[in-house]
Amino acid sequence: MTAPMQRTLEIAADHPAYAGHFPAMPVLPGAVLIDAVLGAVDEARHLDMTQWRIGVAKFSSAVRPGEPLIVEHEISASGAIHFTIRSSRRTVASGTLIPAARAQAP
């Protein structure tokens, strides 16, 4: 495994996704979280993220507007990228990114 890397995710409290995702009780859609993870991994590791696929993604807790988020990611011995997103001490999402070539293998 490579050394874990961390980055603060800054999702604006007025992000447009909140408006349409349960207006009475806004939560951040998982797609926005995954997009933020891909951006963080790309920035830190300089990988072409179009060559990666989501192997597994688990969303375990809602993210409310303005919540501080941290993403941690590391590359395993198998070459997969494991990520975890936390807000304070609670995990809000986790998953694995795999190389696209491996995702398409029979």
C-alpha atoms as a PDB file:
ATOM      1  CA  MET A   1       0.000   0.000   0.000  1.00  0.00           C
ATOM      2  CA  THR A   2       1.019   3.575  -0.548  1.00  0.00           C
ATOM      3  CA  ALA A   3       0.930   6.049   2.301  1.00  0.00           C
ATOM      4  CA  PRO A   4      -2.565   7.410   2.905  1.00  0.00           C
ATOM      5  CA  MET A   5      -3.179  10.937   1.659  1.00  0.00           C
ATOM      6  CA  GLN A   6      -5.738  13.339   3.110  1.00  0.00           C
ATOM      7  CA  ARG A   7      -7.484  16.387   1.772  1.00  0.00           C
ATOM      8  CA  THR A   8     -10.225  18.664   2.992  1.00  0.00           C
ATOM      9  CA  LEU A   9     -13.237  18.577   0.695  1.00  0.00           C
ATOM     10  CA  GLU A  10     -14.867  21.940   0.295  1.00  0.00           C
ATOM     11  CA  ILE A  11     -18.479  21.593  -0.771  1.00  0.00           C
ATOM     12  CA  ALA A  12     -20.196  24.984  -0.605  1.00  0.00           C
ATOM     13  CA  ALA A  13     -23.219  25.142   1.694  1.00  0.00           C
ATOM     14  CA  ASP A  14     -25.123  26.695  -1.218  1.00  0.00           C
ATOM     15  CA  HIS A  15     -24.108  23.984  -3.737  1.00  0.00           C
ATOM     16  CA  PRO A  16     -27.002  23.639  -6.224  1.00  0.00           C
ATOM     17  CA  ALA A  17     -27.339  19.906  -5.518  1.00  0.00           C
ATOM     18  CA  TYR A  18     -28.700  20.668  -2.050  1.00  0.00           C
ATOM     19  CA  ALA A  19     -31.642  22.630  -3.486  1.00  0.00           C
ATOM     20  CA  GLY A  20     -33.128  19.658  -5.309  1.00  0.00           C
ATOM     21  CA  HIS A  21     -32.087  16.910  -2.951  1.00  0.00           C
ATOM     22  CA  PHE A  22     -34.705  17.057  -0.221  1.00  0.00           C
ATOM     23  CA  PRO A  23     -35.375  20.815   0.015  1.00  0.00           C
ATOM     24  CA  ALA A  24     -36.940  20.563   3.480  1.00  0.00           C
ATOM     25  CA  MET A  25     -33.945  18.632   4.799  1.00  0.00           C
ATOM     26  CA  PRO A  26     -31.064  19.031   2.306  1.00  0.00           C
ATOM     27  CA  VAL A  27     -28.380  16.346   2.023  1.00  0.00           C
ATOM     28  CA  LEU A  28     -25.486  16.108  -0.393  1.00  0.00           C
ATOM     29  CA  PRO A  29     -26.055  13.522  -3.147  1.00  0.00           C
ATOM     30  CA  GLY A  30     -23.574  10.641  -3.338  1.00  0.00           C
ATOM     31  CA  ALA A  31     -22.664  11.610  -6.908  1.00  0.00           C
ATOM     32  CA  VAL A  32     -21.283  14.933  -5.640  1.00  0.00           C
ATOM     33  CA  LEU A  33     -19.231  13.116  -3.000  1.00  0.00           C
ATOM     34  CA  ILE A  34     -17.802  10.707  -5.595  1.00  0.00           C
ATOM     35  CA  ASP A  35     -16.952  13.606  -7.903  1.00  0.00           C
ATOM     36  CA  ALA A  36     -15.112  15.305  -5.021  1.00  0.00           C
ATOM     37  CA  VAL A  37     -13.183  12.080  -4.305  1.00  0.00           C
ATOM     38  CA  LEU A  38     -12.146  11.781  -7.961  1.00  0.00           C
ATOM     39  CA  GLY A  39     -10.945  15.383  -7.937  1.00  0.00           C
ATOM     40  CA  ALA A  40      -8.969  14.863  -4.719  1.00  0.00           C
ATOM     41  CA  VAL A  41      -7.322  11.673  -6.005  1.00  0.00           C
ATOM     42  CA  ASP A  42      -6.514  13.284  -9.359  1.00  0.00           C
ATOM     43  CA  GLU A  43      -4.977  16.329  -7.677  1.00  0.00           C
ATOM     44  CA  ALA A  44      -2.908  14.298  -5.216  1.00  0.00           C
ATOM     45  CA  ARG A  45      -1.821  11.409  -7.414  1.00  0.00           C
ATOM     46  CA  HIS A  46      -1.944  12.925 -10.919  1.00  0.00           C
ATOM     47  CA  LEU A  47      -3.943  10.035 -12.368  1.00  0.00           C
ATOM     48  CA  ASP A  48      -6.219  10.114 -15.403  1.00  0.00           C
ATOM     49  CA  MET A  49      -9.465   9.448 -13.558  1.00  0.00           C
ATOM     50  CA  THR A  50     -11.253   8.611 -16.823  1.00  0.00           C
ATOM     51  CA  GLN A  51      -9.275   5.362 -16.653  1.00  0.00           C
ATOM     52  CA  TRP A  52     -10.782   4.385 -13.282  1.00  0.00           C
ATOM     53  CA  ARG A  53     -14.149   2.948 -12.268  1.00  0.00           C
ATOM     54  CA  ILE A  54     -16.044   2.694  -9.002  1.00  0.00           C
ATOM     55  CA  GLY A  55     -15.623  -0.834  -7.690  1.00  0.00           C
ATOM     56  CA  VAL A  56     -17.606  -0.259  -4.496  1.00  0.00           C
ATOM     57  CA  ALA A  57     -19.194   2.792  -2.895  1.00  0.00           C
ATOM     58  CA  LYS A  58     -21.007   2.864   0.422  1.00  0.00           C
ATOM     59  CA  PHE A  59     -22.799   5.930   1.750  1.00  0.00           C
ATOM     60  CA  SER A  60     -23.270   5.501   5.473  1.00  0.00           C
ATOM     61  CA  SER A  61     -24.299   8.930   6.747  1.00  0.00           C
ATOM     62  CA  ALA A  62     -25.947  12.047   5.317  1.00  0.00           C
ATOM     63  CA  VAL A  63     -23.915  15.186   4.658  1.00  0.00           C
ATOM     64  CA  ARG A  64     -25.685  18.435   5.536  1.00  0.00           C
ATOM     65  CA  PRO A  65     -24.874  21.853   4.089  1.00  0.00           C
ATOM     66  CA  GLY A  66     -21.676  23.345   5.481  1.00  0.00           C
ATOM     67  CA  GLU A  67     -20.335  20.144   7.075  1.00  0.00           C
ATOM     68  CA  PRO A  68     -16.528  19.916   7.045  1.00  0.00           C
ATOM     69  CA  LEU A  69     -15.332  16.848   5.136  1.00  0.00           C
ATOM     70  CA  ILE A  70     -11.993  15.042   4.899  1.00  0.00           C
ATOM     71  CA  VAL A  71     -11.182  12.418   2.267  1.00  0.00           C
ATOM     72  CA  GLU A  72      -8.408   9.906   2.851  1.00  0.00           C
ATOM     73  CA  HIS A  73      -7.192   7.627   0.056  1.00  0.00           C
ATOM     74  CA  GLU A  74      -4.473   5.073  -0.471  1.00  0.00           C
ATOM     75  CA  ILE A  75      -3.436   2.640  -3.174  1.00  0.00           C
ATOM     76  CA  SER A  76      -3.504  -1.004  -2.127  1.00  0.00           C
ATOM     77  CA  ALA A  77      -1.064  -3.723  -3.184  1.00  0.00           C
ATOM     78  CA  SER A  78      -3.647  -4.836  -5.777  1.00  0.00           C
ATOM     79  CA  GLY A  79      -3.591  -1.371  -7.376  1.00  0.00           C
ATOM     80  CA  ALA A  80      -7.071  -0.353  -6.207  1.00  0.00           C
ATOM     81  CA  ILE A  81      -7.596   3.007  -4.524  1.00  0.00           C
ATOM     82  CA  HIS A  82      -9.457   2.811  -1.231  1.00  0.00           C
ATOM     83  CA  PHE A  83     -11.123   5.990   0.030  1.00  0.00           C
ATOM     84  CA  THR A  84     -12.976   7.138   3.118  1.00  0.00           C
ATOM     85  CA  ILE A  85     -14.830  10.420   3.605  1.00  0.00           C
ATOM     86  CA  ARG A  86     -15.335  11.620   7.168  1.00  0.00           C
ATOM     87  CA  SER A  87     -17.099  14.477   8.872  1.00  0.00           C
ATOM     88  CA  SER A  88     -15.616  14.935  12.316  1.00  0.00           C
ATOM     89  CA  ARG A  89     -15.285  11.378  13.590  1.00  0.00           C
ATOM     90  CA  ARG A  90     -18.081   9.776  11.598  1.00  0.00           C
ATOM     91  CA  THR A  91     -17.621   8.068   8.249  1.00  0.00           C
ATOM     92  CA  VAL A  92     -20.038   9.376   5.640  1.00  0.00           C
ATOM     93  CA  ALA A  93     -18.813   7.340   2.654  1.00  0.00           C
ATOM     94  CA  SER A  94     -16.174   4.817   1.664  1.00  0.00           C
ATOM     95  CA  GLY A  95     -15.289   2.776  -1.352  1.00  0.00           C
ATOM     96  CA  THR A  96     -12.822   1.500  -3.879  1.00  0.00           C
ATOM     97  CA  LEU A  97     -11.739   2.738  -7.282  1.00  0.00           C
ATOM     98  CA  ILE A  98     -10.342   0.195  -9.715  1.00  0.00           C
ATOM     99  CA  PRO A  99      -8.485   0.624 -13.006  1.00  0.00           C
ATOM    100  CA  ALA A 100     -10.927   0.569 -15.932  1.00  0.00           C
ATOM    101  CA  ALA A 101      -8.984  -2.176 -17.727  1.00  0.00           C
ATOM    102  CA  ARG A 102      -9.446  -4.477 -14.741  1.00  0.00           C
ATOM    103  CA  ALA A 103     -13.137  -3.556 -14.459  1.00  0.00           C
ATOM    104  CA  GLN A 104     -13.717  -4.738 -18.048  1.00  0.00           C
ATOM    105  CA  ALA A 105     -11.762  -7.993 -17.823  1.00  0.00           C
ATOM    106  CA  PRO A 106     -13.880 -11.143 -18.228  1.00  0.00           C
END
